[in-house]
N, C-alpha and C. Protein backbone atom coordinates (compact mmCIF):
# COMPACT_ATOMS: atom_id res chain seq x y z
N UNK A 1 -16.52 -8.76 3.38
CA UNK A 1 -16.08 -8.82 2.17
C UNK A 1 -14.58 -9.14 2.26
N UNK A 2 -14.08 -10.08 1.38
CA UNK A 2 -12.89 -10.59 1.25
C UNK A 2 -11.88 -10.23 0.31
N UNK A 3 -10.56 -9.76 0.68
CA UNK A 3 -9.73 -8.87 -0.07
C UNK A 3 -8.45 -9.95 -0.50
N UNK A 4 -8.14 -10.70 -1.74
CA UNK A 4 -7.27 -11.55 -1.98
C UNK A 4 -5.74 -10.80 -1.83
N UNK A 5 -4.76 -11.56 -1.47
CA UNK A 5 -3.22 -10.78 -1.34
C UNK A 5 -2.90 -10.30 -2.54
N UNK A 6 -3.39 -10.59 -3.95
CA UNK A 6 -3.28 -9.62 -4.95
C UNK A 6 -4.04 -8.73 -4.99
N UNK A 7 -5.22 -8.66 -4.74
CA UNK A 7 -6.10 -7.44 -4.94
C UNK A 7 -5.66 -6.42 -3.70
N UNK A 8 -4.95 -6.90 -2.57
CA UNK A 8 -4.51 -6.05 -1.55
C UNK A 8 -3.37 -5.39 -1.94
N UNK A 9 -2.50 -5.95 -2.54
CA UNK A 9 -1.11 -5.70 -3.31
C UNK A 9 -1.22 -4.74 -4.30
N UNK A 10 -2.22 -4.61 -5.17
CA UNK A 10 -2.86 -3.77 -6.08
C UNK A 10 -3.39 -2.56 -5.45
N UNK A 11 -4.16 -2.60 -4.61
CA UNK A 11 -4.72 -1.66 -3.75
C UNK A 11 -3.56 -0.89 -2.99
N UNK A 12 -2.65 -1.50 -2.50
CA UNK A 12 -1.29 -0.83 -1.83
C UNK A 12 -0.68 -0.07 -2.78
N UNK A 13 -0.44 -0.60 -4.00
CA UNK A 13 0.38 0.12 -5.12
C UNK A 13 -0.62 1.40 -5.66
N UNK A 14 -2.01 1.25 -5.75
CA UNK A 14 -3.00 2.42 -5.94
C UNK A 14 -2.85 3.34 -4.87
N UNK A 15 -2.81 3.18 -3.85
CA UNK A 15 -2.85 4.16 -2.63
C UNK A 15 -1.32 4.71 -2.44
N UNK A 16 -0.20 4.25 -3.08
CA UNK A 16 1.03 4.58 -3.19
C UNK A 16 0.98 5.75 -3.92
N UNK A 17 0.39 5.42 -5.15
CA UNK A 17 0.57 6.48 -6.54
C UNK A 17 -0.46 7.67 -6.16
N UNK A 18 -1.53 7.23 -5.48
CA UNK A 18 -2.27 8.83 -5.05
C UNK A 18 -1.83 9.73 -3.97
N UNK A 19 -1.04 9.10 -3.17
CA UNK A 19 -0.43 9.44 -1.96
C UNK A 19 1.02 10.35 -2.65
N UNK A 20 1.38 9.90 -3.70
CA UNK A 20 2.62 10.39 -4.23
C UNK A 20 2.15 11.82 -4.90
N UNK A 21 1.13 11.67 -5.41
CA UNK A 21 0.54 12.76 -6.62
C UNK A 21 -0.23 13.99 -5.59
N UNK A 22 -0.43 13.54 -4.39
CA UNK A 22 -1.68 14.12 -3.55
C UNK A 22 -0.88 15.61 -3.19
N UNK A 23 0.34 15.72 -3.21
CA UNK A 23 0.95 17.14 -2.96
C UNK A 23 1.09 17.79 -4.17
N UNK A 24 0.89 19.14 -4.23
CA UNK A 24 0.60 19.81 -5.34
C UNK A 24 1.97 19.89 -6.01
N UNK A 25 3.18 20.19 -5.18
CA UNK A 25 4.59 20.18 -6.07
C UNK A 25 4.83 18.74 -6.84
N UNK A 26 4.49 18.04 -6.53
CA UNK A 26 4.84 16.69 -6.76
C UNK A 26 3.65 16.48 -8.01
N UNK A 27 2.73 16.71 -7.87
CA UNK A 27 1.63 16.73 -9.07
C UNK A 27 2.21 17.55 -10.33
N UNK A 28 2.60 19.00 -9.92
CA UNK A 28 2.96 19.61 -10.95
C UNK A 28 4.12 19.09 -11.59
N UNK A 29 5.25 18.48 -10.82
CA UNK A 29 6.34 17.98 -11.36
C UNK A 29 6.11 16.72 -12.23
N UNK A 30 5.20 16.13 -11.91
CA UNK A 30 4.72 14.69 -12.78
C UNK A 30 3.99 15.31 -14.02
N UNK A 31 3.07 16.35 -13.92
CA UNK A 31 2.52 16.81 -14.92
C UNK A 31 3.62 17.21 -16.13
N UNK A 32 4.67 18.08 -15.58
CA UNK A 32 5.59 18.49 -16.67
C UNK A 32 6.42 17.18 -17.28
N UNK A 33 6.48 16.36 -16.91
CA UNK A 33 6.76 14.75 -17.22
C UNK A 33 5.95 14.53 -18.28
N UNK A 34 4.68 14.41 -18.31
CA UNK A 34 3.55 14.02 -19.05
C UNK A 34 3.51 15.19 -20.41
N UNK A 35 3.97 16.56 -19.93
CA UNK A 35 3.58 17.42 -20.96
C UNK A 35 4.86 17.83 -21.64
N UNK A 36 5.75 17.41 -21.30
CA UNK A 36 7.17 17.93 -22.06
C UNK A 36 7.43 17.18 -23.40
N UNK A 37 6.78 16.04 -23.35
CA UNK A 37 7.31 15.09 -24.71
C UNK A 37 8.55 14.43 -24.43
N UNK A 38 9.26 14.79 -23.51
CA UNK A 38 10.84 14.16 -23.33
C UNK A 38 10.63 12.54 -22.73
N UNK A 39 11.42 11.86 -23.01
CA UNK A 39 11.48 10.53 -22.15
C UNK A 39 12.35 10.58 -20.82
N UNK A 40 13.33 11.58 -20.80
CA UNK A 40 13.91 11.82 -19.82
C UNK A 40 14.34 13.24 -19.35
N UNK A 41 14.34 13.73 -18.36
CA UNK A 41 14.45 15.24 -17.79
C UNK A 41 15.53 15.06 -16.64
N UNK A 42 16.69 15.98 -16.92
CA UNK A 42 17.59 16.26 -15.79
C UNK A 42 16.95 17.13 -14.58
N UNK A 43 17.44 16.76 -13.30
CA UNK A 43 17.07 17.19 -12.14
C UNK A 43 17.02 18.88 -12.52
N UNK A 44 17.80 19.20 -12.89
CA UNK A 44 17.84 21.00 -13.26
C UNK A 44 16.56 21.10 -13.91
N UNK A 45 16.19 20.61 -14.88
CA UNK A 45 15.22 21.11 -15.55
C UNK A 45 13.84 20.99 -15.07
N UNK A 46 13.93 19.97 -14.19
CA UNK A 46 12.62 19.48 -13.42
C UNK A 46 12.48 20.64 -12.56
N UNK A 47 13.67 20.92 -11.41
CA UNK A 47 13.17 21.78 -10.30
C UNK A 47 12.95 23.32 -11.02
N UNK A 48 13.67 23.56 -12.22
CA UNK A 48 13.13 24.90 -12.79
C UNK A 48 11.76 25.24 -13.50
N UNK A 49 11.02 24.07 -13.84
CA UNK A 49 9.56 23.83 -14.24
C UNK A 49 8.74 24.80 -13.26
N UNK A 50 8.68 24.12 -12.27
CA UNK A 50 7.70 24.55 -11.33
C UNK A 50 8.34 25.69 -10.47
N UNK A 51 9.46 26.22 -10.49
CA UNK A 51 10.09 27.02 -9.81
C UNK A 51 10.42 27.19 -8.61
N UNK A 52 10.57 25.57 -8.25
CA UNK A 52 11.09 25.32 -6.87
C UNK A 52 12.92 25.36 -6.91
N UNK A 53 13.23 25.06 -5.56
CA UNK A 53 14.55 24.91 -5.09
C UNK A 53 15.15 23.60 -5.49
N UNK A 54 16.21 23.31 -6.10
CA UNK A 54 16.85 21.95 -6.23
C UNK A 54 16.54 20.86 -4.70
N UNK A 55 16.77 21.43 -3.64
CA UNK A 55 16.80 20.42 -2.84
C UNK A 55 15.25 19.80 -2.62
N UNK A 56 14.43 20.81 -2.67
CA UNK A 56 12.98 20.55 -2.84
C UNK A 56 12.53 19.79 -3.69
N UNK A 57 12.86 19.77 -4.95
CA UNK A 57 12.59 19.07 -6.00
C UNK A 57 13.33 17.82 -5.91
N UNK A 58 14.33 17.57 -5.58
CA UNK A 58 14.87 16.46 -5.26
C UNK A 58 14.14 15.48 -4.17
N UNK A 59 13.74 16.03 -3.30
CA UNK A 59 12.74 15.51 -2.20
C UNK A 59 11.60 14.99 -2.74
N UNK A 60 10.95 15.55 -3.37
CA UNK A 60 9.78 15.06 -4.27
C UNK A 60 10.03 14.13 -5.23
N UNK A 61 11.10 14.18 -5.93
CA UNK A 61 11.68 13.27 -7.17
C UNK A 61 11.64 11.87 -6.45
N UNK A 62 12.38 11.97 -5.19
CA UNK A 62 12.43 10.61 -4.16
C UNK A 62 11.39 9.76 -4.07
N UNK A 63 10.25 10.56 -3.72
CA UNK A 63 9.11 10.16 -3.31
C UNK A 63 8.23 9.48 -4.54
N UNK A 64 8.14 10.14 -5.85
CA UNK A 64 7.70 9.78 -6.97
C UNK A 64 8.51 8.46 -7.50
N UNK A 65 9.78 8.57 -7.14
CA UNK A 65 10.47 7.24 -7.62
C UNK A 65 9.99 5.99 -6.86
N UNK A 66 9.99 6.03 -5.57
CA UNK A 66 9.44 5.41 -4.36
C UNK A 66 8.16 4.64 -4.80
N UNK A 67 7.21 5.52 -5.19
CA UNK A 67 5.69 5.20 -5.41
C UNK A 67 5.89 4.38 -6.85
N UNK A 68 6.63 4.51 -7.74
CA UNK A 68 7.07 3.72 -8.85
C UNK A 68 6.40 4.54 -10.01
N UNK A 69 6.29 5.88 -9.92
CA UNK A 69 5.94 6.83 -10.87
C UNK A 69 6.99 7.14 -11.77
N UNK A 70 8.12 7.09 -11.05
CA UNK A 70 9.35 7.77 -11.92
C UNK A 70 10.31 6.67 -11.53
N UNK A 71 11.32 7.04 -12.64
CA UNK A 71 12.70 6.17 -12.03
C UNK A 71 13.75 7.15 -12.69
N UNK A 72 15.04 6.72 -11.90
CA UNK A 72 16.02 7.66 -12.25
C UNK A 72 17.46 6.78 -12.90
N UNK A 73 18.04 7.75 -13.83
CA UNK A 73 18.97 7.04 -14.38
C UNK A 73 20.32 7.95 -14.33
N UNK A 74 21.44 7.72 -13.74
CA UNK A 74 22.65 8.35 -13.63
C UNK A 74 23.79 8.25 -14.73
N UNK A 75 24.30 9.36 -15.15
CA UNK A 75 25.36 9.41 -16.12
C UNK A 75 26.60 9.60 -15.37
N UNK A 76 27.39 9.88 -16.15
CA UNK A 76 28.99 10.47 -15.68
C UNK A 76 28.75 11.99 -14.96
N UNK A 77 27.91 12.65 -15.68
CA UNK A 77 27.81 14.27 -15.37
C UNK A 77 26.28 14.47 -14.92
N UNK A 78 25.12 13.60 -14.95
CA UNK A 78 23.94 14.14 -14.87
C UNK A 78 23.21 12.88 -14.46
N UNK A 79 22.01 13.47 -13.47
CA UNK A 79 21.11 12.42 -13.27
C UNK A 79 19.80 12.79 -13.82
N UNK A 80 19.07 11.86 -14.57
CA UNK A 80 17.73 11.82 -15.34
C UNK A 80 16.48 11.29 -14.69
N UNK A 81 15.77 11.52 -14.99
CA UNK A 81 14.49 11.02 -14.05
C UNK A 81 13.52 10.62 -15.51
N UNK A 82 12.40 9.95 -15.59
CA UNK A 82 11.68 9.79 -16.60
C UNK A 82 10.45 9.14 -15.93
N UNK A 83 9.30 8.95 -16.25
CA UNK A 83 8.11 8.54 -15.89
C UNK A 83 8.02 7.00 -16.04
N UNK A 84 7.14 6.31 -15.34
CA UNK A 84 7.03 4.87 -15.73
C UNK A 84 5.60 4.54 -15.93
N UNK A 85 5.24 4.73 -16.67
CA UNK A 85 3.59 4.30 -16.93
C UNK A 85 3.48 3.63 -18.05
N UNK A 86 4.01 3.64 -19.09
CA UNK A 86 4.01 3.31 -20.39
C UNK A 86 3.07 1.79 -20.30
N UNK A 87 3.65 0.83 -19.50
CA UNK A 87 3.16 -0.62 -19.62
C UNK A 87 1.96 -0.81 -18.40
N UNK A 88 1.69 -0.02 -17.51
CA UNK A 88 0.81 -0.53 -16.24
C UNK A 88 -0.53 0.27 -16.75
N UNK A 89 -1.39 -0.73 -16.84
CA UNK A 89 -3.03 -0.34 -17.27
C UNK A 89 -3.49 0.46 -15.97
N UNK A 90 -3.09 0.01 -14.93
CA UNK A 90 -3.78 0.65 -13.44
C UNK A 90 -2.96 1.94 -13.47
N UNK A 91 -1.93 2.06 -13.26
CA UNK A 91 -1.55 3.33 -13.48
C UNK A 91 -2.06 4.59 -14.48
N UNK A 92 -1.86 3.78 -15.44
CA UNK A 92 -2.32 4.86 -16.49
C UNK A 92 -3.74 5.36 -16.42
N UNK A 93 -4.58 4.02 -15.89
CA UNK A 93 -6.10 4.55 -15.46
C UNK A 93 -6.32 5.78 -14.43
N UNK A 94 -5.31 5.49 -13.35
CA UNK A 94 -5.34 6.63 -12.15
C UNK A 94 -4.84 7.98 -12.78
N UNK A 95 -3.67 7.91 -13.55
CA UNK A 95 -3.47 9.55 -14.04
C UNK A 95 -4.64 9.93 -15.04
N UNK A 96 -5.27 9.13 -15.68
CA UNK A 96 -6.18 9.68 -16.49
C UNK A 96 -7.32 10.06 -15.44
N UNK A 97 -7.74 9.57 -14.67
CA UNK A 97 -8.55 9.74 -13.54
C UNK A 97 -8.29 11.30 -12.88
N UNK A 98 -7.08 11.61 -12.73
CA UNK A 98 -6.30 12.77 -12.19
C UNK A 98 -6.26 13.80 -13.41
N UNK A 99 -6.51 13.45 -14.57
CA UNK A 99 -6.27 14.46 -15.74
C UNK A 99 -4.64 14.80 -15.63
N UNK A 100 -3.93 13.93 -15.54
CA UNK A 100 -2.31 14.25 -15.28
C UNK A 100 -1.70 14.04 -16.87
N UNK A 101 -1.95 12.90 -17.31
CA UNK A 101 -1.51 12.44 -18.67
C UNK A 101 -2.63 12.64 -19.70
């Protein structure tokens, strides 16, 4: 079976997404994004939801960001995170399969 470069790139992206949400706390954080109805959440509100420590939540947020599931926005006072799945059909399909969003 031959896999084209485009297919391989898409499979690598899918793998990165599955790997990012394969950890229970990251999945919980991501579910909170989907369930809160907000466009952006502060780091503090994110780590308070699953009851984790700030440093632990920050570590997991970095992993979600690297996988393309979230993005970070900084202001003078706060750092916000938001999910990045509105325009990606592949990502939406994966998240629906996982019953996350």
